[in-house]
C-alpha atoms as a PDB file:
ATOM      1  CA  MET A   1      61.494  -8.239   5.313  1.00  0.00           C
ATOM      2  CA  ARG A   2      62.828 -11.117   7.370  1.00  0.00           C
ATOM      3  CA  THR A   3      62.826 -14.638   6.007  1.00  0.00           C
ATOM      4  CA  GLU A   4      64.155 -17.998   7.119  1.00  0.00           C
ATOM      5  CA  LEU A   5      64.030 -19.646   3.699  1.00  0.00           C
ATOM      6  CA  ALA A   6      65.301 -18.399   0.347  1.00  0.00           C
ATOM      7  CA  TYR A   7      65.780 -20.059  -3.013  1.00  0.00           C
ATOM      8  CA  SER A   8      69.429 -20.752  -3.870  1.00  0.00           C
ATOM      9  CA  GLU A   9      70.126 -20.209  -7.552  1.00  0.00           C
ATOM     10  CA  GLU A  10      73.321 -22.252  -7.267  1.00  0.00           C
ATOM     11  CA  PHE A  11      71.795 -25.174  -5.352  1.00  0.00           C
ATOM     12  CA  ASN A  12      68.345 -24.976  -6.993  1.00  0.00           C
ATOM     13  CA  GLU A  13      66.395 -25.475  -3.770  1.00  0.00           C
ATOM     14  CA  GLU A  14      64.837 -23.580  -0.874  1.00  0.00           C
ATOM     15  CA  ILE A  15      67.289 -23.573   2.018  1.00  0.00           C
ATOM     16  CA  ASN A  16      67.717 -21.780   5.316  1.00  0.00           C
ATOM     17  CA  ALA A  17      70.732 -19.636   6.198  1.00  0.00           C
ATOM     18  CA  GLU A  18      72.390 -22.352   8.288  1.00  0.00           C
ATOM     19  CA  ARG A  19      72.230 -24.747   5.335  1.00  0.00           C
ATOM     20  CA  ALA A  20      73.616 -22.034   3.031  1.00  0.00           C
ATOM     21  CA  TYR A  21      76.530 -21.596   5.431  1.00  0.00           C
ATOM     22  CA  GLU A  22      77.248 -25.333   5.351  1.00  0.00           C
ATOM     23  CA  LEU A  23      77.057 -25.486   1.559  1.00  0.00           C
ATOM     24  CA  TYR A  24      79.437 -22.544   1.235  1.00  0.00           C
ATOM     25  CA  TRP A  25      82.053 -24.129   3.488  1.00  0.00           C
ATOM     26  CA  ALA A  26      81.614 -27.454   1.700  1.00  0.00           C
ATOM     27  CA  GLU A  27      82.483 -25.526  -1.509  1.00  0.00           C
ATOM     28  CA  VAL A  28      79.118 -26.289  -3.118  1.00  0.00           C
ATOM     29  CA  ILE A  29      77.815 -22.714  -3.433  1.00  0.00           C
ATOM     30  CA  PHE A  30      79.961 -19.583  -3.701  1.00  0.00           C
ATOM     31  CA  ASP A  31      77.875 -16.415  -4.143  1.00  0.00           C
ATOM     32  CA  LYS A  32      76.126 -15.004  -1.074  1.00  0.00           C
ATOM     33  CA  ARG A  33      73.946 -12.825  -3.336  1.00  0.00           C
ATOM     34  CA  ALA A  34      72.588 -15.690  -5.455  1.00  0.00           C
ATOM     35  CA  PHE A  35      69.302 -16.061  -3.583  1.00  0.00           C
ATOM     36  CA  ARG A  36      65.778 -15.005  -4.440  1.00  0.00           C
ATOM     37  CA  CYS A  37      62.395 -15.091  -2.747  1.00  0.00           C
ATOM     38  CA  ALA A  38      61.186 -18.622  -2.142  1.00  0.00           C
ATOM     39  CA  HIS A  39      57.715 -17.767  -3.480  1.00  0.00           C
ATOM     40  CA  GLU A  40      57.263 -18.871  -7.094  1.00  0.00           C
ATOM     41  CA  GLY A  41      57.253 -15.910  -9.490  1.00  0.00           C
ATOM     42  CA  CYS A  42      58.403 -13.324  -6.964  1.00  0.00           C
ATOM     43  CA  PRO A  43      61.374 -11.236  -8.225  1.00  0.00           C
ATOM     44  CA  ALA A  44      62.670 -10.099  -4.802  1.00  0.00           C
ATOM     45  CA  ARG A  45      66.266 -11.069  -4.064  1.00  0.00           C
ATOM     46  CA  TYR A  46      68.197 -11.852  -0.883  1.00  0.00           C
ATOM     47  CA  THR A  47      71.787 -11.854   0.328  1.00  0.00           C
ATOM     48  CA  CYS A  48      72.896 -14.485   2.833  1.00  0.00           C
ATOM     49  CA  ALA A  49      74.808 -12.177   5.170  1.00  0.00           C
ATOM     50  CA  ASN A  50      77.853 -13.667   6.950  1.00  0.00           C
ATOM     51  CA  MET A  51      77.699 -16.851   4.883  1.00  0.00           C
ATOM     52  CA  ASP A  52      81.350 -16.398   3.963  1.00  0.00           C
ATOM     53  CA  LYS A  53      82.671 -15.555   7.429  1.00  0.00           C
ATOM     54  CA  PRO A  54      85.536 -17.882   8.409  1.00  0.00           C
ATOM     55  CA  GLU A  55      84.361 -17.842  12.010  1.00  0.00           C
ATOM     56  CA  LEU A  56      80.711 -18.060  12.984  1.00  0.00           C
ATOM     57  CA  LEU A  57      80.313 -14.985  15.174  1.00  0.00           C
ATOM     58  CA  LEU A  58      77.078 -15.694  16.920  1.00  0.00           C
ATOM     59  CA  LYS A  59      76.213 -12.015  17.334  1.00  0.00           C
ATOM     60  CA  GLN A  60      76.025 -11.955  13.550  1.00  0.00           C
ATOM     61  CA  GLN A  61      74.685 -15.349  12.598  1.00  0.00           C
ATOM     62  CA  PRO A  62      74.168 -16.118   8.908  1.00  0.00           C
ATOM     63  CA  HIS A  63      70.807 -14.679   7.887  1.00  0.00           C
ATOM     64  CA  PHE A  64      68.930 -13.603   4.780  1.00  0.00           C
ATOM     65  CA  ARG A  65      68.755  -9.878   4.089  1.00  0.00           C
ATOM     66  CA  GLU A  66      66.682  -8.354   1.308  1.00  0.00           C
ATOM     67  CA  GLN A  67      68.861  -6.842  -1.418  1.00  0.00           C
ATOM     68  CA  GLN A  68      68.474  -3.129  -2.001  1.00  0.00           C
ATOM     69  CA  GLY A  69      68.166  -1.762  -5.535  1.00  0.00           C
ATOM     70  CA  HIS A  70      66.274  -4.803  -6.834  1.00  0.00           C
ATOM     71  CA  GLU A  71      62.618  -5.433  -7.504  1.00  0.00           C
ATOM     72  CA  VAL A  72      60.342  -5.667  -4.481  1.00  0.00           C
ATOM     73  CA  HIS A  73      58.090  -8.604  -3.618  1.00  0.00           C
ATOM     74  CA  ALA A  74      55.249  -9.389  -6.002  1.00  0.00           C
ATOM     75  CA  ALA A  75      51.782  -8.243  -4.906  1.00  0.00           C
ATOM     76  CA  ASP A  76      50.625 -11.872  -4.534  1.00  0.00           C
ATOM     77  CA  CYS A  77      53.816 -13.064  -2.810  1.00  0.00           C
ATOM     78  CA  GLY A  78      53.046 -15.494   0.000  1.00  0.00           C
ATOM     79  CA  ALA A  79      55.776 -13.899   2.099  1.00  0.00           C
ATOM     80  CA  LEU A  80      53.807 -10.646   2.288  1.00  0.00           C
ATOM     81  CA  ALA A  81      50.646 -12.394   3.467  1.00  0.00           C
ATOM     82  CA  ALA A  82      52.540 -14.421   6.044  1.00  0.00           C
ATOM     83  CA  GLN A  83      54.350 -11.326   7.300  1.00  0.00           C
ATOM     84  CA  LYS A  84      51.011  -9.557   7.751  1.00  0.00           C
ATOM     85  CA  GLU A  85      49.674 -12.493   9.748  1.00  0.00           C
ATOM     86  CA  LEU A  86      52.755 -12.533  11.985  1.00  0.00           C
ATOM     87  CA  ARG A  87      52.161  -8.851  12.774  1.00  0.00           C
ATOM     88  CA  GLY A  88      48.579  -9.571  13.772  1.00  0.00           C
ATOM     89  CA  GLY A  89      47.009  -8.164  10.624  1.00  0.00           C
ATOM     90  CA  GLY A  90      45.882 -11.450   9.117  1.00  0.00           C
ATOM     91  CA  THR A  91      42.995 -13.682   9.936  1.00  0.00           C
ATOM     92  CA  SER A  92      43.501 -16.668  12.140  1.00  0.00           C
ATOM     93  CA  GLY A  93      43.328 -19.924  10.245  1.00  0.00           C
ATOM     94  CA  PRO A  94      44.137 -23.575  10.748  1.00  0.00           C
ATOM     95  CA  ARG A  95      47.785 -22.720  11.511  1.00  0.00           C
ATOM     96  CA  ALA A  96      46.807 -20.780  14.648  1.00  0.00           C
ATOM     97  CA  GLU A  97      44.638 -23.685  15.819  1.00  0.00           C
ATOM     98  CA  ALA A  98      47.058 -26.440  14.922  1.00  0.00           C
ATOM     99  CA  GLY A  99      48.219 -26.899  18.507  1.00  0.00           C
ATOM    100  CA  THR A 100      51.710 -27.862  19.620  1.00  0.00           C
ATOM    101  CA  PRO A 101      54.142 -27.926  16.675  1.00  0.00           C
ATOM    102  CA  ALA A 102      55.939 -31.112  15.782  1.00  0.00           C
ATOM    103  CA  PRO A 103      59.385 -31.479  17.344  1.00  0.00           C
ATOM    104  CA  ASP A 104      62.520 -30.549  15.446  1.00  0.00           C
ATOM    105  CA  ARG A 105      64.613 -33.524  14.382  1.00  0.00           C
ATOM    106  CA  LEU A 106      68.329 -34.221  14.477  1.00  0.00           C
ATOM    107  CA  LEU A 107      69.161 -36.763  11.782  1.00  0.00           C
ATOM    108  CA  LEU A 108      72.338 -38.682  12.542  1.00  0.00           C
ATOM    109  CA  LYS A 109      73.180 -39.375   8.905  1.00  0.00           C
ATOM    110  CA  ARG A 110      72.981 -37.084   5.897  1.00  0.00           C
ATOM    111  CA  PRO A 111      71.077 -38.498   2.917  1.00  0.00           C
ATOM    112  CA  ALA A 112      72.888 -39.368  -0.282  1.00  0.00           C
ATOM    113  CA  GLY A 113      73.389 -36.311  -2.446  1.00  0.00           C
ATOM    114  CA  HIS A 114      72.943 -33.898   0.459  1.00  0.00           C
ATOM    115  CA  PHE A 115      75.736 -31.695  -0.915  1.00  0.00           C
ATOM    116  CA  THR A 116      74.876 -32.226  -4.597  1.00  0.00           C
ATOM    117  CA  PRO A 117      73.167 -29.281  -6.371  1.00  0.00           C
ATOM    118  CA  LYS A 118      69.706 -30.118  -7.691  1.00  0.00           C
ATOM    119  CA  GLN A 119      69.322 -30.456 -11.460  1.00  0.00           C
ATOM    120  CA  THR A 120      67.573 -27.846 -13.586  1.00  0.00           C
ATOM    121  CA  LEU A 121      65.569 -28.268 -16.758  1.00  0.00           C
ATOM    122  CA  PRO A 122      66.472 -26.548 -20.063  1.00  0.00           C
ATOM    123  CA  GLY A 123      65.810 -22.826 -19.779  1.00  0.00           C
ATOM    124  CA  GLY A 124      66.684 -22.735 -16.086  1.00  0.00           C
ATOM    125  CA  ALA A 125      63.441 -24.190 -14.702  1.00  0.00           C
ATOM    126  CA  VAL A 126      63.799 -26.324 -11.602  1.00  0.00           C
ATOM    127  CA  GLY A 127      63.528 -30.061 -12.124  1.00  0.00           C
ATOM    128  CA  THR A 128      61.748 -32.579  -9.952  1.00  0.00           C
ATOM    129  CA  SER A 129      64.639 -32.678  -7.511  1.00  0.00           C
ATOM    130  CA  GLY A 130      64.552 -28.924  -6.869  1.00  0.00           C
ATOM    131  CA  THR A 131      61.880 -27.142  -4.846  1.00  0.00           C
ATOM    132  CA  ARG A 132      60.413 -23.671  -4.680  1.00  0.00           C
ATOM    133  CA  SER A 133      57.224 -22.556  -2.927  1.00  0.00           C
ATOM    134  CA  ALA A 134      54.107 -22.108  -5.038  1.00  0.00           C
ATOM    135  CA  GLY A 135      52.428 -20.138  -2.274  1.00  0.00           C
ATOM    136  CA  GLY A 136      51.936 -20.046   1.476  1.00  0.00           C
ATOM    137  CA  GLU A 137      54.593 -18.576   3.709  1.00  0.00           C
ATOM    138  CA  GLY A 138      57.145 -18.043   0.978  1.00  0.00           C
ATOM    139  CA  GLY A 139      60.023 -18.556   3.376  1.00  0.00           C
ATOM    140  CA  VAL A 140      58.994 -16.313   6.288  1.00  0.00           C
ATOM    141  CA  ARG A 141      59.095 -19.264   8.624  1.00  0.00           C
ATOM    142  CA  SER A 142      61.244 -22.311   8.107  1.00  0.00           C
ATOM    143  CA  ARG A 143      59.174 -25.421   7.431  1.00  0.00           C
ATOM    144  CA  SER A 144      62.324 -27.513   7.539  1.00  0.00           C
ATOM    145  CA  THR A 145      62.886 -28.706  11.089  1.00  0.00           C
ATOM    146  CA  ALA A 146      65.317 -31.486  10.220  1.00  0.00           C
ATOM    147  CA  PHE A 147      68.949 -30.790  11.099  1.00  0.00           C
ATOM    148  CA  TYR A 148      72.095 -32.737  10.374  1.00  0.00           C
ATOM    149  CA  SER A 149      74.603 -31.046  12.662  1.00  0.00           C
ATOM    150  CA  VAL A 150      74.996 -29.917  16.244  1.00  0.00           C
ATOM    151  CA  ARG A 151      76.109 -26.527  14.923  1.00  0.00           C
ATOM    152  CA  SER A 152      72.634 -25.953  13.483  1.00  0.00           C
ATOM    153  CA  LEU A 153      71.035 -27.115  16.741  1.00  0.00           C
ATOM    154  CA  VAL A 154      73.116 -24.612  18.708  1.00  0.00           C
ATOM    155  CA  SER A 155      71.740 -21.802  16.561  1.00  0.00           C
ATOM    156  CA  ARG A 156      68.171 -23.069  17.080  1.00  0.00           C
ATOM    157  CA  TRP A 157      68.719 -23.468  20.832  1.00  0.00           C
ATOM    158  CA  LEU A 158      70.079 -19.951  21.203  1.00  0.00           C
ATOM    159  CA  LYS A 159      67.056 -18.468  19.443  1.00  0.00           C
ATOM    160  CA  ALA A 160      64.682 -20.463  21.650  1.00  0.00           C
ATOM    161  CA  ARG A 161      66.560 -19.577  24.830  1.00  0.00           C
ATOM    162  CA  ARG A 162      66.619 -15.867  24.040  1.00  0.00           C
ATOM    163  CA  ALA A 163      62.911 -15.983  23.205  1.00  0.00           C
ATOM    164  CA  GLY A 164      62.178 -17.830  26.449  1.00  0.00           C
ATOM    165  CA  THR A 165      60.708 -20.838  24.599  1.00  0.00           C
ATOM    166  CA  ASP A 166      63.421 -23.460  25.141  1.00  0.00           C
ATOM    167  CA  GLU A 167      61.181 -25.313  27.625  1.00  0.00           C
ATOM    168  CA  GLU A 168      58.384 -25.569  25.042  1.00  0.00           C
ATOM    169  CA  GLN A 169      60.286 -26.181  21.810  1.00  0.00           C
ATOM    170  CA  THR A 170      61.183 -29.839  21.461  1.00  0.00           C
ATOM    171  CA  LEU A 171      63.738 -31.931  19.642  1.00  0.00           C
ATOM    172  CA  GLN A 172      63.753 -35.591  18.650  1.00  0.00           C
ATOM    173  CA  VAL A 173      66.809 -37.637  17.750  1.00  0.00           C
ATOM    174  CA  GLY A 174      66.172 -40.918  15.956  1.00  0.00           C
ATOM    175  CA  ALA A 175      63.685 -43.040  17.894  1.00  0.00           C
ATOM    176  CA  GLN A 176      64.462 -41.205  21.118  1.00  0.00           C
ATOM    177  CA  GLU A 177      61.549 -39.544  22.898  1.00  0.00           C
ATOM    178  CA  ALA A 178      61.293 -35.833  22.137  1.00  0.00           C
ATOM    179  CA  LEU A 179      62.880 -33.560  24.745  1.00  0.00           C
ATOM    180  CA  SER A 180      62.714 -29.820  25.230  1.00  0.00           C
ATOM    181  CA  TYR A 181      65.766 -27.880  24.103  1.00  0.00           C
ATOM    182  CA  LYS A 182      66.389 -27.012  27.746  1.00  0.00           C
ATOM    183  CA  GLU A 183      66.550 -30.720  28.633  1.00  0.00           C
ATOM    184  CA  MET A 184      68.647 -31.630  25.597  1.00  0.00           C
ATOM    185  CA  PHE A 185      71.488 -29.181  26.284  1.00  0.00           C
ATOM    186  CA  GLU A 186      73.463 -30.162  29.404  1.00  0.00           C
ATOM    187  CA  CYS A 187      76.206 -27.845  30.620  1.00  0.00           C
ATOM    188  CA  ILE A 188      79.539 -29.082  31.975  1.00  0.00           C
ATOM    189  CA  PHE A 189      80.051 -26.517  34.700  1.00  0.00           C
ATOM    190  CA  TYR A 190      82.131 -26.329  37.867  1.00  0.00           C
ATOM    191  CA  LYS A 191      79.018 -25.818  40.015  1.00  0.00           C
ATOM    192  CA  HIS A 192      77.475 -28.974  38.558  1.00  0.00           C
ATOM    193  CA  ARG A 193      79.899 -31.866  39.122  1.00  0.00           C
ATOM    194  CA  GLN A 194      77.511 -34.655  38.132  1.00  0.00           C
ATOM    195  CA  LEU A 195      76.573 -35.483  34.546  1.00  0.00           C
ATOM    196  CA  SER A 196      73.312 -37.258  33.796  1.00  0.00           C
ATOM    197  CA  GLY A 197      75.046 -39.839  31.600  1.00  0.00           C
ATOM    198  CA  CYS A 198      72.154 -39.639  29.137  1.00  0.00           C
ATOM    199  CA  THR A 199      72.565 -39.021  25.428  1.00  0.00           C
ATOM    200  CA  ARG A 200      72.479 -35.231  25.236  1.00  0.00           C
ATOM    201  CA  VAL A 201      74.252 -32.226  23.748  1.00  0.00           C
ATOM    202  CA  TYR A 202      76.953 -31.586  26.360  1.00  0.00           C
ATOM    203  CA  TRP A 203      78.633 -28.208  26.252  1.00  0.00           C
ATOM    204  CA  GLY A 204      80.967 -25.935  28.146  1.00  0.00           C
ATOM    205  CA  THR A 205      84.192 -23.952  28.086  1.00  0.00           C
ATOM    206  CA  ALA A 206      87.098 -25.998  26.741  1.00  0.00           C
ATOM    207  CA  THR A 207      90.649 -25.899  25.427  1.00  0.00           C
ATOM    208  CA  ILE A 208      92.051 -27.665  22.353  1.00  0.00           C
ATOM    209  CA  THR A 209      95.485 -29.188  21.796  1.00  0.00           C
ATOM    210  CA  GLU A 210      96.858 -30.611  18.557  1.00  0.00           C
ATOM    211  CA  GLU A 211      98.601 -33.975  18.527  1.00  0.00           C
ATOM    212  CA  ALA A 212     100.222 -35.915  15.697  1.00  0.00           C
ATOM    213  CA  LYS A 213      97.067 -37.831  14.795  1.00  0.00           C
ATOM    214  CA  ALA A 214      94.289 -35.936  16.524  1.00  0.00           C
ATOM    215  CA  TYR A 215      92.893 -32.803  18.103  1.00  0.00           C
ATOM    216  CA  ARG A 216      92.096 -33.176  21.800  1.00  0.00           C
ATOM    217  CA  ILE A 217      89.237 -31.127  23.248  1.00  0.00           C
ATOM    218  CA  LYS A 218      89.256 -30.914  27.033  1.00  0.00           C
ATOM    219  CA  PHE A 219      86.428 -29.289  28.980  1.00  0.00           C
ATOM    220  CA  SER A 220      87.605 -26.799  31.587  1.00  0.00           C
ATOM    221  CA  SER A 221      85.372 -28.067  34.411  1.00  0.00           C
ATOM    222  CA  ALA A 222      85.942 -31.416  36.084  1.00  0.00           C
ATOM    223  CA  VAL A 223      83.151 -33.834  36.973  1.00  0.00           C
ATOM    224  CA  GLN A 224      82.799 -36.075  40.012  1.00  0.00           C
ATOM    225  CA  SER A 225      80.263 -38.630  38.793  1.00  0.00           C
ATOM    226  CA  ILE A 226      78.369 -39.913  35.761  1.00  0.00           C
ATOM    227  CA  ALA A 227      74.750 -40.660  36.706  1.00  0.00           C
ATOM    228  CA  ASP A 228      75.101 -42.778  39.868  1.00  0.00           C
ATOM    229  CA  THR A 229      78.683 -43.868  39.181  1.00  0.00           C
ATOM    230  CA  PRO A 230      81.256 -41.864  41.159  1.00  0.00           C
ATOM    231  CA  LEU A 231      84.780 -41.308  39.852  1.00  0.00           C
ATOM    232  CA  LYS A 232      87.781 -41.978  42.046  1.00  0.00           C
ATOM    233  CA  GLU A 233      89.031 -38.498  41.225  1.00  0.00           C
ATOM    234  CA  GLN A 234      87.446 -35.536  39.510  1.00  0.00           C
ATOM    235  CA  ARG A 235      88.150 -35.629  35.782  1.00  0.00           C
ATOM    236  CA  ARG A 236      87.791 -33.141  32.934  1.00  0.00           C
ATOM    237  CA  PRO A 237      85.830 -34.776  30.103  1.00  0.00           C
ATOM    238  CA  THR A 238      87.583 -34.992  26.741  1.00  0.00           C
ATOM    239  CA  VAL A 239      86.647 -35.361  23.071  1.00  0.00           C
ATOM    240  CA  THR A 240      89.105 -36.722  20.498  1.00  0.00           C
ATOM    241  CA  ILE A 241      88.841 -35.642  16.857  1.00  0.00           C
ATOM    242  CA  TRP A 242      90.962 -37.961  14.712  1.00  0.00           C
ATOM    243  CA  LYS A 243      92.591 -36.305  11.704  1.00  0.00           C
ATOM    244  CA  ASP A 244      91.837 -39.322   9.495  1.00  0.00           C
ATOM    245  CA  ASP A 245      88.102 -38.826  10.206  1.00  0.00           C
ATOM    246  CA  LEU A 246      88.382 -35.145   9.290  1.00  0.00           C
ATOM    247  CA  LYS A 247      89.755 -36.004   5.830  1.00  0.00           C
ATOM    248  CA  THR A 248      86.429 -37.443   4.643  1.00  0.00           C
ATOM    249  CA  PHE A 249      84.176 -34.845   6.310  1.00  0.00           C
ATOM    250  CA  GLU A 250      82.391 -32.508   3.871  1.00  0.00           C
ATOM    251  CA  MET A 251      82.594 -29.617   6.355  1.00  0.00           C
ATOM    252  CA  ARG A 252      86.288 -30.215   7.011  1.00  0.00           C
ATOM    253  CA  ALA A 253      87.388 -26.694   5.988  1.00  0.00           C
ATOM    254  CA  MET A 254      85.300 -24.998   8.659  1.00  0.00           C
ATOM    255  CA  LEU A 255      85.789 -27.456  11.524  1.00  0.00           C
ATOM    256  CA  GLU A 256      89.520 -27.936  10.989  1.00  0.00           C
ATOM    257  CA  LYS A 257      90.055 -24.173  10.800  1.00  0.00           C
ATOM    258  CA  ARG A 258      88.415 -23.721  14.184  1.00  0.00           C
ATOM    259  CA  LEU A 259      90.265 -26.634  15.796  1.00  0.00           C
ATOM    260  CA  LEU A 260      93.596 -25.360  14.511  1.00  0.00           C
ATOM    261  CA  ASN A 261      92.867 -21.764  15.489  1.00  0.00           C
ATOM    262  CA  TYR A 262      92.126 -22.597  19.133  1.00  0.00           C
ATOM    263  CA  ALA A 263      94.923 -25.143  19.339  1.00  0.00           C
ATOM    264  CA  GLN A 264      97.499 -22.608  18.137  1.00  0.00           C
ATOM    265  CA  SER A 265      96.194 -19.630  20.106  1.00  0.00           C
ATOM    266  CA  GLY A 266      95.622 -21.475  23.371  1.00  0.00           C
ATOM    267  CA  LYS A 267      92.414 -19.489  23.857  1.00  0.00           C
ATOM    268  CA  ASP A 268      89.305 -20.911  25.455  1.00  0.00           C
ATOM    269  CA  CYS A 269      86.438 -21.950  23.204  1.00  0.00           C
ATOM    270  CA  VAL A 270      82.977 -23.357  23.859  1.00  0.00           C
ATOM    271  CA  ALA A 271      82.600 -26.973  22.724  1.00  0.00           C
ATOM    272  CA  PHE A 272      79.361 -28.834  22.008  1.00  0.00           C
ATOM    273  CA  VAL A 273      79.184 -32.593  21.503  1.00  0.00           C
ATOM    274  CA  TYR A 274      76.183 -34.878  21.063  1.00  0.00           C
ATOM    275  CA  GLY A 275      76.606 -38.247  22.743  1.00  0.00           C
ATOM    276  CA  GLU A 276      77.009 -39.741  26.166  1.00  0.00           C
ATOM    277  CA  PRO A 277      80.006 -39.613  28.524  1.00  0.00           C
ATOM    278  CA  GLU A 278      81.917 -42.836  29.018  1.00  0.00           C
ATOM    279  CA  ILE A 279      84.203 -43.796  31.887  1.00  0.00           C
ATOM    280  CA  LYS A 280      87.386 -45.304  30.482  1.00  0.00           C
ATOM    281  CA  ALA A 281      90.179 -47.050  32.336  1.00  0.00           C
ATOM    282  CA  ALA A 282      93.798 -46.243  31.574  1.00  0.00           C
ATOM    283  CA  LYS A 283      95.887 -48.995  29.985  1.00  0.00           C
ATOM    284  CA  ALA A 284      98.140 -49.035  33.011  1.00  0.00           C
ATOM    285  CA  GLY A 285      97.443 -48.121  36.617  1.00  0.00           C
ATOM    286  CA  ASP A 286      94.239 -47.572  38.513  1.00  0.00           C
ATOM    287  CA  VAL A 287      93.156 -44.414  36.678  1.00  0.00           C
ATOM    288  CA  THR A 288      89.885 -43.592  34.931  1.00  0.00           C
ATOM    289  CA  PHE A 289      88.961 -40.904  32.408  1.00  0.00           C
ATOM    290  CA  VAL A 290      85.730 -39.395  31.090  1.00  0.00           C
ATOM    291  CA  ASN A 291      85.490 -39.376  27.316  1.00  0.00           C
ATOM    292  CA  PHE A 292      82.925 -38.699  24.580  1.00  0.00           C
ATOM    293  CA  ALA A 293      83.145 -41.045  21.591  1.00  0.00           C
ATOM    294  CA  VAL A 294      82.380 -39.072  18.418  1.00  0.00           C
ATOM    295  CA  ARG A 295      80.282 -41.034  15.922  1.00  0.00           C
ATOM    296  CA  SER A 296      80.281 -38.241  13.341  1.00  0.00           C
ATOM    297  CA  MET A 297      82.070 -34.943  12.846  1.00  0.00           C
ATOM    298  CA  ASP A 298      78.606 -33.380  12.460  1.00  0.00           C
ATOM    299  CA  LEU A 299      77.991 -34.064  16.149  1.00  0.00           C
ATOM    300  CA  VAL A 300      80.715 -31.654  17.308  1.00  0.00           C
ATOM    301  CA  SER A 301      80.648 -27.868  17.194  1.00  0.00           C
ATOM    302  CA  ILE A 302      83.322 -25.390  18.291  1.00  0.00           C
ATOM    303  CA  GLU A 303      82.205 -21.838  19.044  1.00  0.00           C
ATOM    304  CA  SER A 304      83.696 -18.631  20.385  1.00  0.00           C
ATOM    305  CA  THR A 305      83.279 -17.730  24.070  1.00  0.00           C
ATOM    306  CA  SER A 306      81.237 -14.740  22.851  1.00  0.00           C
ATOM    307  CA  ILE A 307      78.347 -17.201  22.813  1.00  0.00           C
ATOM    308  CA  TYR A 308      77.943 -16.544  26.536  1.00  0.00           C
ATOM    309  CA  ASP A 309      76.725 -13.044  25.722  1.00  0.00           C
ATOM    310  CA  LEU A 310      73.801 -14.620  23.889  1.00  0.00           C
ATOM    311  CA  LEU A 311      72.727 -17.047  26.601  1.00  0.00           C
ATOM    312  CA  ARG A 312      70.767 -14.531  28.621  1.00  0.00           C
ATOM    313  CA  ARG A 313      67.085 -15.249  28.863  1.00  0.00           C
ATOM    314  CA  PRO A 314      64.475 -12.491  28.575  1.00  0.00           C
ATOM    315  CA  GLY A 315      64.787 -10.088  31.501  1.00  0.00           C
ATOM    316  CA  GLU A 316      68.285 -11.253  32.514  1.00  0.00           C
ATOM    317  CA  GLY A 317      69.927  -8.076  31.159  1.00  0.00           C
END
């Protein structure tokens, strides 16, 4: 049975697979089999497949898989009822009439204690800081639509694009007006030489080089203008990841591994960065550059070029 939420026995909270992946690479949780059904009292167990993969292969994204050889779901498990409804066997209720769902949210700062396991009471019961469903969906659908990283947004965007719903599903960042996922993700592509200049998730094929104090990400396609401002010459946008900033980043192990891997191999990657492009003047001479200032390491994601295989919309083959 598929599920988007499972209860982490190490973190003492319901989490989705993307969050489990982050916690693993932040060295907070360690056992991919230490998950159970999010419905209170249900003995079914889950494995977070691919949680421990050093590279996020998007054809095999982290996901929860029911463990074989363990007890099945309880007869009154909310996950069973929700699964029946999803298959058309349940009665329509308020959820079906609720209208347009609220937009997903990208939070630009993680709350205090985001990587701290929740406390448990004597005997293993979950304390007030830990959560587990008492009923309802039991984890079939994720009720958590708040994300803290572009990497998680990329996963959400891919699912929406492949389902053909990226024009309907929306995302809100801070006080910014909600946009569809299709509007939020702007590709840097050789057939599209002009960037909107708006605050978006910009993405495209890129290369990475390592310098003494930084990693330099350079998009492969050059741009001619930013909004209505033309450049004197076409420029390839760049992103600079300072090594000093990486030192204090909780997800350093995963991001630095990817940066180093592509820098050493010279292979193309696909880079995603949330922000807005800036036109910068060189210190000497009449030269300008296009750069993305990175406010947080969470706002950058480096993926394999195999992601292009997953960009096809329904009916595109």
